[in-house]
C-alpha atoms as a PDB file:
ATOM      1  CA  UNK A   1     132.610  89.017 110.331  1.00  0.00           C
ATOM      2  CA  UNK A   2     130.957  91.965 108.645  1.00  0.00           C
ATOM      3  CA  UNK A   3     127.477  91.263 110.178  1.00  0.00           C
ATOM      4  CA  UNK A   4     128.462  90.707 113.707  1.00  0.00           C
ATOM      5  CA  UNK A   5     126.247  93.153 115.619  1.00  0.00           C
ATOM      6  CA  UNK A   6     128.280  92.949 118.722  1.00  0.00           C
ATOM      7  CA  UNK A   7     131.218  94.607 116.851  1.00  0.00           C
ATOM      8  CA  UNK A   8     130.565  98.256 116.136  1.00  0.00           C
ATOM      9  CA  UNK A   9     134.092  99.335 115.111  1.00  0.00           C
ATOM     10  CA  UNK A  10     135.461 100.607 111.885  1.00  0.00           C
ATOM     11  CA  UNK A  11     136.273  97.085 110.685  1.00  0.00           C
ATOM     12  CA  UNK A  12     132.545  96.133 110.475  1.00  0.00           C
ATOM     13  CA  UNK A  13     131.571  99.455 108.755  1.00  0.00           C
ATOM     14  CA  UNK A  14     134.087  99.060 105.935  1.00  0.00           C
ATOM     15  CA  UNK A  15     132.601  95.778 104.728  1.00  0.00           C
ATOM     16  CA  UNK A  16     129.273  95.052 102.906  1.00  0.00           C
ATOM     17  CA  UNK A  17     127.465  91.984 103.998  1.00  0.00           C
ATOM     18  CA  UNK A  18     124.922  90.791 101.304  1.00  0.00           C
ATOM     19  CA  UNK A  19     123.396  88.261 103.847  1.00  0.00           C
ATOM     20  CA  UNK A  20     121.830  91.133 105.751  1.00  0.00           C
ATOM     21  CA  UNK A  21     118.866  92.722 103.996  1.00  0.00           C
ATOM     22  CA  UNK A  22     119.207  95.927 105.976  1.00  0.00           C
ATOM     23  CA  UNK A  23     122.874  96.329 104.924  1.00  0.00           C
ATOM     24  CA  UNK A  24     121.940  95.732 101.296  1.00  0.00           C
ATOM     25  CA  UNK A  25     119.247  98.475 101.494  1.00  0.00           C
ATOM     26  CA  UNK A  26     121.621 100.816 103.319  1.00  0.00           C
ATOM     27  CA  UNK A  27     124.474 100.467 100.767  1.00  0.00           C
ATOM     28  CA  UNK A  28     122.217 100.510  97.806  1.00  0.00           C
ATOM     29  CA  UNK A  29     120.636 103.732  98.905  1.00  0.00           C
ATOM     30  CA  UNK A  30     124.070 105.167  99.850  1.00  0.00           C
ATOM     31  CA  UNK A  31     125.530 104.403  96.514  1.00  0.00           C
ATOM     32  CA  UNK A  32     122.265 105.294  94.563  1.00  0.00           C
ATOM     33  CA  UNK A  33     122.001 101.887  92.858  1.00  0.00           C
ATOM     34  CA  UNK A  34     119.485  98.991  92.901  1.00  0.00           C
ATOM     35  CA  UNK A  35     120.237  96.131  95.319  1.00  0.00           C
ATOM     36  CA  UNK A  36     120.871  93.881  92.283  1.00  0.00           C
ATOM     37  CA  UNK A  37     123.617  96.241  90.937  1.00  0.00           C
ATOM     38  CA  UNK A  38     125.058  96.378  94.439  1.00  0.00           C
ATOM     39  CA  UNK A  39     125.332  92.653  94.620  1.00  0.00           C
ATOM     40  CA  UNK A  40     126.997  92.484  91.185  1.00  0.00           C
ATOM     41  CA  UNK A  41     129.493  95.182  92.253  1.00  0.00           C
ATOM     42  CA  UNK A  42     130.261  93.304  95.446  1.00  0.00           C
ATOM     43  CA  UNK A  43     130.800  90.161  93.517  1.00  0.00           C
ATOM     44  CA  UNK A  44     133.160  92.007  91.079  1.00  0.00           C
ATOM     45  CA  UNK A  45     135.012  94.230  93.412  1.00  0.00           C
ATOM     46  CA  UNK A  46     134.909  92.486  96.833  1.00  0.00           C
ATOM     47  CA  UNK A  47     133.269  93.246 100.164  1.00  0.00           C
ATOM     48  CA  UNK A  48     135.196  96.492 100.958  1.00  0.00           C
ATOM     49  CA  UNK A  49     132.886  99.397 100.782  1.00  0.00           C
ATOM     50  CA  UNK A  50     135.574 101.750  99.348  1.00  0.00           C
ATOM     51  CA  UNK A  51     136.285  99.268  96.411  1.00  0.00           C
ATOM     52  CA  UNK A  52     132.592  98.847  95.761  1.00  0.00           C
ATOM     53  CA  UNK A  53     132.084 102.552  95.650  1.00  0.00           C
ATOM     54  CA  UNK A  54     134.916 103.134  93.291  1.00  0.00           C
ATOM     55  CA  UNK A  55     133.683 100.257  91.062  1.00  0.00           C
ATOM     56  CA  UNK A  56     130.152 101.702  90.899  1.00  0.00           C
ATOM     57  CA  UNK A  57     131.545 105.156  90.078  1.00  0.00           C
ATOM     58  CA  UNK A  58     133.630 103.683  87.335  1.00  0.00           C
ATOM     59  CA  UNK A  59     130.714 101.895  85.898  1.00  0.00           C
ATOM     60  CA  UNK A  60     128.508 105.130  86.017  1.00  0.00           C
ATOM     61  CA  UNK A  61     131.375 107.010  84.277  1.00  0.00           C
ATOM     62  CA  UNK A  62     131.737 104.376  81.540  1.00  0.00           C
ATOM     63  CA  UNK A  63     128.011 104.495  80.835  1.00  0.00           C
ATOM     64  CA  UNK A  64     127.880 108.303  80.525  1.00  0.00           C
ATOM     65  CA  UNK A  65     130.967 108.203  78.180  1.00  0.00           C
ATOM     66  CA  UNK A  66     129.164 105.849  75.828  1.00  0.00           C
ATOM     67  CA  UNK A  67     126.669 108.710  75.073  1.00  0.00           C
ATOM     68  CA  UNK A  68     129.239 111.225  74.091  1.00  0.00           C
ATOM     69  CA  UNK A  69     131.055 111.560  70.757  1.00  0.00           C
ATOM     70  CA  UNK A  70     134.914 112.144  71.173  1.00  0.00           C
ATOM     71  CA  UNK A  71     136.167 113.729  67.957  1.00  0.00           C
ATOM     72  CA  UNK A  72     139.772 113.322  69.122  1.00  0.00           C
ATOM     73  CA  UNK A  73     139.504 109.482  68.601  1.00  0.00           C
ATOM     74  CA  UNK A  74     139.489 108.372  64.923  1.00  0.00           C
ATOM     75  CA  UNK A  75     137.591 105.191  65.726  1.00  0.00           C
ATOM     76  CA  UNK A  76     134.816 107.255  67.383  1.00  0.00           C
ATOM     77  CA  UNK A  77     134.523 109.524  64.424  1.00  0.00           C
ATOM     78  CA  UNK A  78     134.272 106.513  62.084  1.00  0.00           C
ATOM     79  CA  UNK A  79     131.684 104.654  64.346  1.00  0.00           C
ATOM     80  CA  UNK A  80     129.326 107.694  64.767  1.00  0.00           C
ATOM     81  CA  UNK A  81     129.548 108.718  61.162  1.00  0.00           C
ATOM     82  CA  UNK A  82     128.566 105.212  60.058  1.00  0.00           C
ATOM     83  CA  UNK A  83     125.858 105.134  62.752  1.00  0.00           C
ATOM     84  CA  UNK A  84     124.270 108.418  61.613  1.00  0.00           C
ATOM     85  CA  UNK A  85     125.113 107.668  57.897  1.00  0.00           C
ATOM     86  CA  UNK A  86     126.979 110.986  57.336  1.00  0.00           C
ATOM     87  CA  UNK A  87     130.524 111.925  56.363  1.00  0.00           C
ATOM     88  CA  UNK A  88     133.054 112.584  59.139  1.00  0.00           C
ATOM     89  CA  UNK A  89     133.137 116.329  58.225  1.00  0.00           C
ATOM     90  CA  UNK A  90     129.283 116.582  58.581  1.00  0.00           C
ATOM     91  CA  UNK A  91     129.609 114.738  61.863  1.00  0.00           C
ATOM     92  CA  UNK A  92     132.275 117.256  63.033  1.00  0.00           C
ATOM     93  CA  UNK A  93     130.085 120.243  61.984  1.00  0.00           C
ATOM     94  CA  UNK A  94     127.082 118.721  63.920  1.00  0.00           C
ATOM     95  CA  UNK A  95     129.160 118.301  67.008  1.00  0.00           C
ATOM     96  CA  UNK A  96     130.386 121.708  66.779  1.00  0.00           C
ATOM     97  CA  UNK A  97     126.823 123.096  66.459  1.00  0.00           C
ATOM     98  CA  UNK A  98     125.103 121.134  69.185  1.00  0.00           C
ATOM     99  CA  UNK A  99     127.803 119.630  71.416  1.00  0.00           C
ATOM    100  CA  UNK A 100     129.114 116.168  72.073  1.00  0.00           C
ATOM    101  CA  UNK A 101     125.973 114.351  73.068  1.00  0.00           C
ATOM    102  CA  UNK A 102     125.060 111.590  70.646  1.00  0.00           C
ATOM    103  CA  UNK A 103     121.389 112.257  71.252  1.00  0.00           C
ATOM    104  CA  UNK A 104     121.618 115.884  70.347  1.00  0.00           C
ATOM    105  CA  UNK A 105     123.734 115.137  67.291  1.00  0.00           C
ATOM    106  CA  UNK A 106     121.295 112.472  66.161  1.00  0.00           C
ATOM    107  CA  UNK A 107     118.463 114.993  66.496  1.00  0.00           C
ATOM    108  CA  UNK A 108     120.310 117.556  64.734  1.00  0.00           C
ATOM    109  CA  UNK A 109     121.236 115.349  61.850  1.00  0.00           C
ATOM    110  CA  UNK A 110     117.684 113.733  61.616  1.00  0.00           C
ATOM    111  CA  UNK A 111     115.855 116.731  59.889  1.00  0.00           C
ATOM    112  CA  UNK A 112     118.439 116.603  57.096  1.00  0.00           C
ATOM    113  CA  UNK A 113     117.573 112.976  56.552  1.00  0.00           C
ATOM    114  CA  UNK A 114     113.950 113.619  56.589  1.00  0.00           C
ATOM    115  CA  UNK A 115     114.347 116.456  53.967  1.00  0.00           C
ATOM    116  CA  UNK A 116     116.262 114.076  51.694  1.00  0.00           C
ATOM    117  CA  UNK A 117     113.536 111.467  51.883  1.00  0.00           C
ATOM    118  CA  UNK A 118     110.845 114.111  51.063  1.00  0.00           C
ATOM    119  CA  UNK A 119     112.717 115.150  48.002  1.00  0.00           C
ATOM    120  CA  UNK A 120     113.230 111.615  46.884  1.00  0.00           C
ATOM    121  CA  UNK A 121     109.507 110.980  47.307  1.00  0.00           C
ATOM    122  CA  UNK A 122     108.784 114.009  45.146  1.00  0.00           C
ATOM    123  CA  UNK A 123     111.204 112.841  42.506  1.00  0.00           C
ATOM    124  CA  UNK A 124     109.581 109.350  42.441  1.00  0.00           C
ATOM    125  CA  UNK A 125     106.142 110.994  42.181  1.00  0.00           C
ATOM    126  CA  UNK A 126     107.360 113.020  39.242  1.00  0.00           C
ATOM    127  CA  UNK A 127     108.750 109.904  37.601  1.00  0.00           C
ATOM    128  CA  UNK A 128     105.469 108.138  38.088  1.00  0.00           C
ATOM    129  CA  UNK A 129     103.577 111.028  36.501  1.00  0.00           C
ATOM    130  CA  UNK A 130     105.889 111.060  33.542  1.00  0.00           C
ATOM    131  CA  UNK A 131     105.339 107.246  33.113  1.00  0.00           C
ATOM    132  CA  UNK A 132     101.607 107.653  33.187  1.00  0.00           C
ATOM    133  CA  UNK A 133     101.798 110.368  30.499  1.00  0.00           C
ATOM    134  CA  UNK A 134     103.934 108.155  28.289  1.00  0.00           C
ATOM    135  CA  UNK A 135     101.339 105.311  28.625  1.00  0.00           C
ATOM    136  CA  UNK A 136      98.431 107.630  27.849  1.00  0.00           C
ATOM    137  CA  UNK A 137      99.989 108.898  24.643  1.00  0.00           C
ATOM    138  CA  UNK A 138      98.792 106.940  21.519  1.00  0.00           C
ATOM    139  CA  UNK A 139     101.388 104.683  20.097  1.00  0.00           C
ATOM    140  CA  UNK A 140     102.171 104.377  16.415  1.00  0.00           C
ATOM    141  CA  UNK A 141     102.118 100.919  14.899  1.00  0.00           C
ATOM    142  CA  UNK A 142     105.498  99.312  14.350  1.00  0.00           C
ATOM    143  CA  UNK A 143     107.582 101.805  16.384  1.00  0.00           C
ATOM    144  CA  UNK A 144     107.854  99.801  19.492  1.00  0.00           C
ATOM    145  CA  UNK A 145     110.979  97.685  20.037  1.00  0.00           C
ATOM    146  CA  UNK A 146     108.949  94.477  20.180  1.00  0.00           C
ATOM    147  CA  UNK A 147     107.365  95.154  16.852  1.00  0.00           C
ATOM    148  CA  UNK A 148     110.729  95.918  15.301  1.00  0.00           C
ATOM    149  CA  UNK A 149     112.149  92.689  16.699  1.00  0.00           C
ATOM    150  CA  UNK A 150     109.178  90.838  15.401  1.00  0.00           C
ATOM    151  CA  UNK A 151     109.724  92.317  11.930  1.00  0.00           C
ATOM    152  CA  UNK A 152     113.340  91.356  11.887  1.00  0.00           C
ATOM    153  CA  UNK A 153     112.475  87.747  12.768  1.00  0.00           C
ATOM    154  CA  UNK A 154     109.982  87.422  10.051  1.00  0.00           C
ATOM    155  CA  UNK A 155     112.426  88.923   7.470  1.00  0.00           C
ATOM    156  CA  UNK A 156     115.137  86.471   8.459  1.00  0.00           C
END
């Protein structure tokens, strides 16, 4: 039994007992995880402390890998270029400039997107001004399309 306090040998030290609160606290602190994550790791990997430690390290490693952009993998390049809405070449240039961190690449690419939005706003404002000028100009009678269509209908 892992929680037999009369046994103090190595066999007891190598196993994690979730029924004892002090053991849960100890192992959670040792592995630097929450007690809930420790319980999930014990359920997935078993009661062996070595197996649980390896499982927790693997989970932390996987989580940190999700935040990095691997240019050597085509599916990663495709995924991140779609996510940032840029071409793969632009993504590669951004990774070369700031590193493989997805947060840094996103921040690097964000100002370019903001600049594009500003120019499109300026263009739309210019289009609106032009439309206002066209409306303000006096119209000649019979030059509009509707007037021409109306004349054709009457003549027919």
